């Protein structure tokens, strides 16, 4: 089994960090491996 662990350091409070990370529209900011797919608008 593979175990992956990430350690992050921040000067923000735990509540601020949880609120920020709970907003998944920001996932690309806090997890660079996340890719958001956007539909292209036909021209």
PDB file of N, CA and C in Angstrom:
ATOM      1  N   UNK A   1       0.846  -1.180   0.000  1.00  0.00           N
ATOM      2  CA  UNK A   1       0.000   0.000   0.000  1.00  0.00           C
ATOM      3  C   UNK A   1       0.889   1.241   0.000  1.00  0.00           C
ATOM      4  N   UNK A   2       0.438   2.264  -0.714  1.00  0.00           N
ATOM      5  CA  UNK A   2       1.166   3.528  -0.797  1.00  0.00           C
ATOM      6  C   UNK A   2       0.531   4.518   0.166  1.00  0.00           C
ATOM      7  N   UNK A   3       1.366   5.224   0.903  1.00  0.00           N
ATOM      8  CA  UNK A   3       0.889   6.266   1.813  1.00  0.00           C
ATOM      9  C   UNK A   3       1.533   7.582   1.390  1.00  0.00           C
ATOM     10  N   UNK A   4       0.695   8.568   1.164  1.00  0.00           N
ATOM     11  CA  UNK A   4       1.180   9.892   0.764  1.00  0.00           C
ATOM     12  C   UNK A   4       0.795  10.879   1.859  1.00  0.00           C
ATOM     13  N   UNK A   5       1.734  11.706   2.240  1.00  0.00           N
ATOM     14  CA  UNK A   5       1.471  12.703   3.272  1.00  0.00           C
ATOM     15  C   UNK A   5       2.028  14.038   2.816  1.00  0.00           C
ATOM     16  N   UNK A   6       1.262  15.091   3.024  1.00  0.00           N
ATOM     17  CA  UNK A   6       1.710  16.446   2.690  1.00  0.00           C
ATOM     18  C   UNK A   6       1.774  17.259   3.970  1.00  0.00           C
ATOM     19  N   UNK A   7       2.784  18.066   4.080  1.00  0.00           N
ATOM     20  CA  UNK A   7       2.928  18.946   5.232  1.00  0.00           C
ATOM     21  C   UNK A   7       2.953  20.376   4.714  1.00  0.00           C
ATOM     22  N   UNK A   8       2.071  21.197   5.267  1.00  0.00           N
ATOM     23  CA  UNK A   8       2.010  22.600   4.862  1.00  0.00           C
ATOM     24  C   UNK A   8       2.207  23.461   6.104  1.00  0.00           C
ATOM     25  N   UNK A   9       2.896  24.560   5.936  1.00  0.00           N
ATOM     26  CA  UNK A   9       3.120  25.509   7.019  1.00  0.00           C
ATOM     27  C   UNK A   9       2.480  26.835   6.620  1.00  0.00           C
ATOM     28  N   UNK A  10       1.794  27.455   7.559  1.00  0.00           N
ATOM     29  CA  UNK A  10       1.121  28.717   7.268  1.00  0.00           C
ATOM     30  C   UNK A  10       1.038  29.562   8.535  1.00  0.00           C
ATOM     31  N   UNK A  11       1.000  30.868   8.325  1.00  0.00           N
ATOM     32  CA  UNK A  11       0.814  31.776   9.458  1.00  0.00           C
ATOM     33  C   UNK A  11      -0.674  32.040   9.705  1.00  0.00           C
ATOM     34  N   UNK A  12      -1.533  31.483   8.855  1.00  0.00           N
ATOM     35  CA  UNK A  12      -2.988  31.646   9.015  1.00  0.00           C
ATOM     36  C   UNK A  12      -3.514  30.719  10.103  1.00  0.00           C
ATOM     37  N   UNK A  13      -4.700  31.024  10.628  1.00  0.00           N
ATOM     38  CA  UNK A  13      -5.314  30.150  11.624  1.00  0.00           C
ATOM     39  C   UNK A  13      -5.873  28.904  10.940  1.00  0.00           C
ATOM     40  N   UNK A  14      -6.062  27.867  11.723  1.00  0.00           N
ATOM     41  CA  UNK A  14      -6.623  26.631  11.175  1.00  0.00           C
ATOM     42  C   UNK A  14      -7.985  26.894  10.533  1.00  0.00           C
ATOM     43  N   UNK A  15      -8.833  27.696  11.167  1.00  0.00           N
ATOM     44  CA  UNK A  15     -10.157  27.994  10.619  1.00  0.00           C
ATOM     45  C   UNK A  15     -10.060  28.691   9.261  1.00  0.00           C
ATOM     46  N   UNK A  16      -9.111  29.610   9.112  1.00  0.00           N
ATOM     47  CA  UNK A  16      -8.923  30.295   7.834  1.00  0.00           C
ATOM     48  C   UNK A  16      -8.481  29.310   6.748  1.00  0.00           C
ATOM     49  N   UNK A  17      -7.591  28.418   7.107  1.00  0.00           N
ATOM     50  CA  UNK A  17      -7.099  27.442   6.135  1.00  0.00           C
ATOM     51  C   UNK A  17      -8.204  26.484   5.723  1.00  0.00           C
ATOM     52  N   UNK A  18      -8.967  25.988   6.694  1.00  0.00           N
ATOM     53  CA  UNK A  18     -10.066  25.068   6.383  1.00  0.00           C
ATOM     54  C   UNK A  18     -11.101  25.752   5.486  1.00  0.00           C
ATOM     55  N   UNK A  19     -11.436  26.994   5.778  1.00  0.00           N
ATOM     56  CA  UNK A  19     -12.408  27.727   4.949  1.00  0.00           C
ATOM     57  C   UNK A  19     -11.884  27.908   3.527  1.00  0.00           C
ATOM     58  N   UNK A  20     -10.603  28.215   3.397  1.00  0.00           N
ATOM     59  CA  UNK A  20      -9.990  28.404   2.077  1.00  0.00           C
ATOM     60  C   UNK A  20     -10.004  27.101   1.285  1.00  0.00           C
ATOM     61  N   UNK A  21      -9.596  26.011   1.931  1.00  0.00           N
ATOM     62  CA  UNK A  21      -9.503  24.738   1.228  1.00  0.00           C
ATOM     63  C   UNK A  21     -10.870  24.100   0.982  1.00  0.00           C
ATOM     64  N   UNK A  22     -11.872  24.503   1.740  1.00  0.00           N
ATOM     65  CA  UNK A  22     -13.220  23.969   1.537  1.00  0.00           C
ATOM     66  C   UNK A  22     -13.836  24.493   0.250  1.00  0.00           C
ATOM     67  N   UNK A  23     -13.328  25.601  -0.257  1.00  0.00           N
ATOM     68  CA  UNK A  23     -13.817  26.187  -1.507  1.00  0.00           C
ATOM     69  C   UNK A  23     -13.066  25.524  -2.657  1.00  0.00           C
ATOM     70  N   UNK A  24     -13.666  24.481  -3.241  1.00  0.00           N
ATOM     71  CA  UNK A  24     -12.975  23.701  -4.263  1.00  0.00           C
ATOM     72  C   UNK A  24     -12.772  24.452  -5.573  1.00  0.00           C
ATOM     73  N   UNK A  25     -13.335  25.651  -5.704  1.00  0.00           N
ATOM     74  CA  UNK A  25     -13.049  26.439  -6.907  1.00  0.00           C
ATOM     75  C   UNK A  25     -11.600  26.912  -6.890  1.00  0.00           C
ATOM     76  N   UNK A  26     -10.947  26.831  -5.712  1.00  0.00           N
ATOM     77  CA  UNK A  26      -9.544  27.232  -5.576  1.00  0.00           C
ATOM     78  C   UNK A  26      -8.588  26.039  -5.613  1.00  0.00           C
ATOM     79  N   UNK A  27      -9.071  24.867  -5.958  1.00  0.00           N
ATOM     80  CA  UNK A  27      -8.259  23.651  -5.874  1.00  0.00           C
ATOM     81  C   UNK A  27      -6.953  23.749  -6.658  1.00  0.00           C
ATOM     82  N   UNK A  28      -6.961  24.410  -7.802  1.00  0.00           N
ATOM     83  CA  UNK A  28      -5.728  24.532  -8.579  1.00  0.00           C
ATOM     84  C   UNK A  28      -4.680  25.364  -7.854  1.00  0.00           C
ATOM     85  N   UNK A  29      -5.094  26.259  -6.961  1.00  0.00           N
ATOM     86  CA  UNK A  29      -4.147  27.089  -6.213  1.00  0.00           C
ATOM     87  C   UNK A  29      -3.458  26.285  -5.114  1.00  0.00           C
ATOM     88  N   UNK A  30      -4.242  25.457  -4.390  1.00  0.00           N
ATOM     89  CA  UNK A  30      -3.634  24.738  -3.274  1.00  0.00           C
ATOM     90  C   UNK A  30      -3.198  23.326  -3.623  1.00  0.00           C
ATOM     91  N   UNK A  31      -3.568  22.837  -4.809  1.00  0.00           N
ATOM     92  CA  UNK A  31      -3.098  21.526  -5.260  1.00  0.00           C
ATOM     93  C   UNK A  31      -2.766  21.617  -6.741  1.00  0.00           C
ATOM     94  N   UNK A  32      -1.511  21.926  -7.081  1.00  0.00           N
ATOM     95  CA  UNK A  32      -1.129  22.126  -8.480  1.00  0.00           C
ATOM     96  C   UNK A  32      -1.394  20.924  -9.372  1.00  0.00           C
ATOM     97  N   UNK A  33      -1.593  19.741  -8.806  1.00  0.00           N
ATOM     98  CA  UNK A  33      -1.899  18.561  -9.615  1.00  0.00           C
ATOM     99  C   UNK A  33      -3.331  18.528 -10.098  1.00  0.00           C
ATOM    100  N   UNK A  34      -4.163  19.402  -9.566  1.00  0.00           N
ATOM    101  CA  UNK A  34      -5.564  19.468  -9.973  1.00  0.00           C
ATOM    102  C   UNK A  34      -5.676  20.205 -11.296  1.00  0.00           C
ATOM    103  N   UNK A  35      -6.440  19.654 -12.191  1.00  0.00           N
ATOM    104  CA  UNK A  35      -6.647  20.283 -13.495  1.00  0.00           C
ATOM    105  C   UNK A  35      -8.142  20.539 -13.653  1.00  0.00           C
ATOM    106  N   UNK A  36      -8.512  21.758 -13.931  1.00  0.00           N
ATOM    107  CA  UNK A  36      -9.906  22.105 -14.170  1.00  0.00           C
ATOM    108  C   UNK A  36     -10.152  22.096 -15.680  1.00  0.00           C
ATOM    109  N   UNK A  37     -11.149  21.348 -16.075  1.00  0.00           N
ATOM    110  CA  UNK A  37     -11.499  21.287 -17.495  1.00  0.00           C
ATOM    111  C   UNK A  37     -12.542  22.357 -17.790  1.00  0.00           C
ATOM    112  N   UNK A  38     -12.299  23.120 -18.836  1.00  0.00           N
ATOM    113  CA  UNK A  38     -13.225  24.179 -19.249  1.00  0.00           C
ATOM    114  C   UNK A  38     -13.672  23.895 -20.680  1.00  0.00           C
ATOM    115  N   UNK A  39     -14.941  24.005 -20.892  1.00  0.00           N
ATOM    116  CA  UNK A  39     -15.456  23.799 -22.238  1.00  0.00           C
ATOM    117  C   UNK A  39     -15.120  25.009 -23.104  1.00  0.00           C
ATOM    118  N   UNK A  40     -14.675  24.751 -24.293  1.00  0.00           N
ATOM    119  CA  UNK A  40     -14.374  25.837 -25.226  1.00  0.00           C
ATOM    120  C   UNK A  40     -15.672  26.362 -25.801  1.00  0.00           C
ATOM    121  N   UNK A  41     -15.758  27.662 -25.925  1.00  0.00           N
ATOM    122  CA  UNK A  41     -16.919  28.293 -26.529  1.00  0.00           C
ATOM    123  C   UNK A  41     -16.728  28.320 -28.036  1.00  0.00           C
ATOM    124  N   UNK A  42     -17.706  27.764 -28.793  1.00  0.00           N
ATOM    125  CA  UNK A  42     -17.566  27.785 -30.253  1.00  0.00           C
ATOM    126  C   UNK A  42     -17.517  29.215 -30.774  1.00  0.00           C
ATOM    127  N   UNK A  43     -16.668  29.447 -31.755  1.00  0.00           N
ATOM    128  CA  UNK A  43     -16.562  30.808 -32.288  1.00  0.00           C
ATOM    129  C   UNK A  43     -17.421  30.973 -33.508  1.00  0.00           C
TER     130      UNK A  43
END
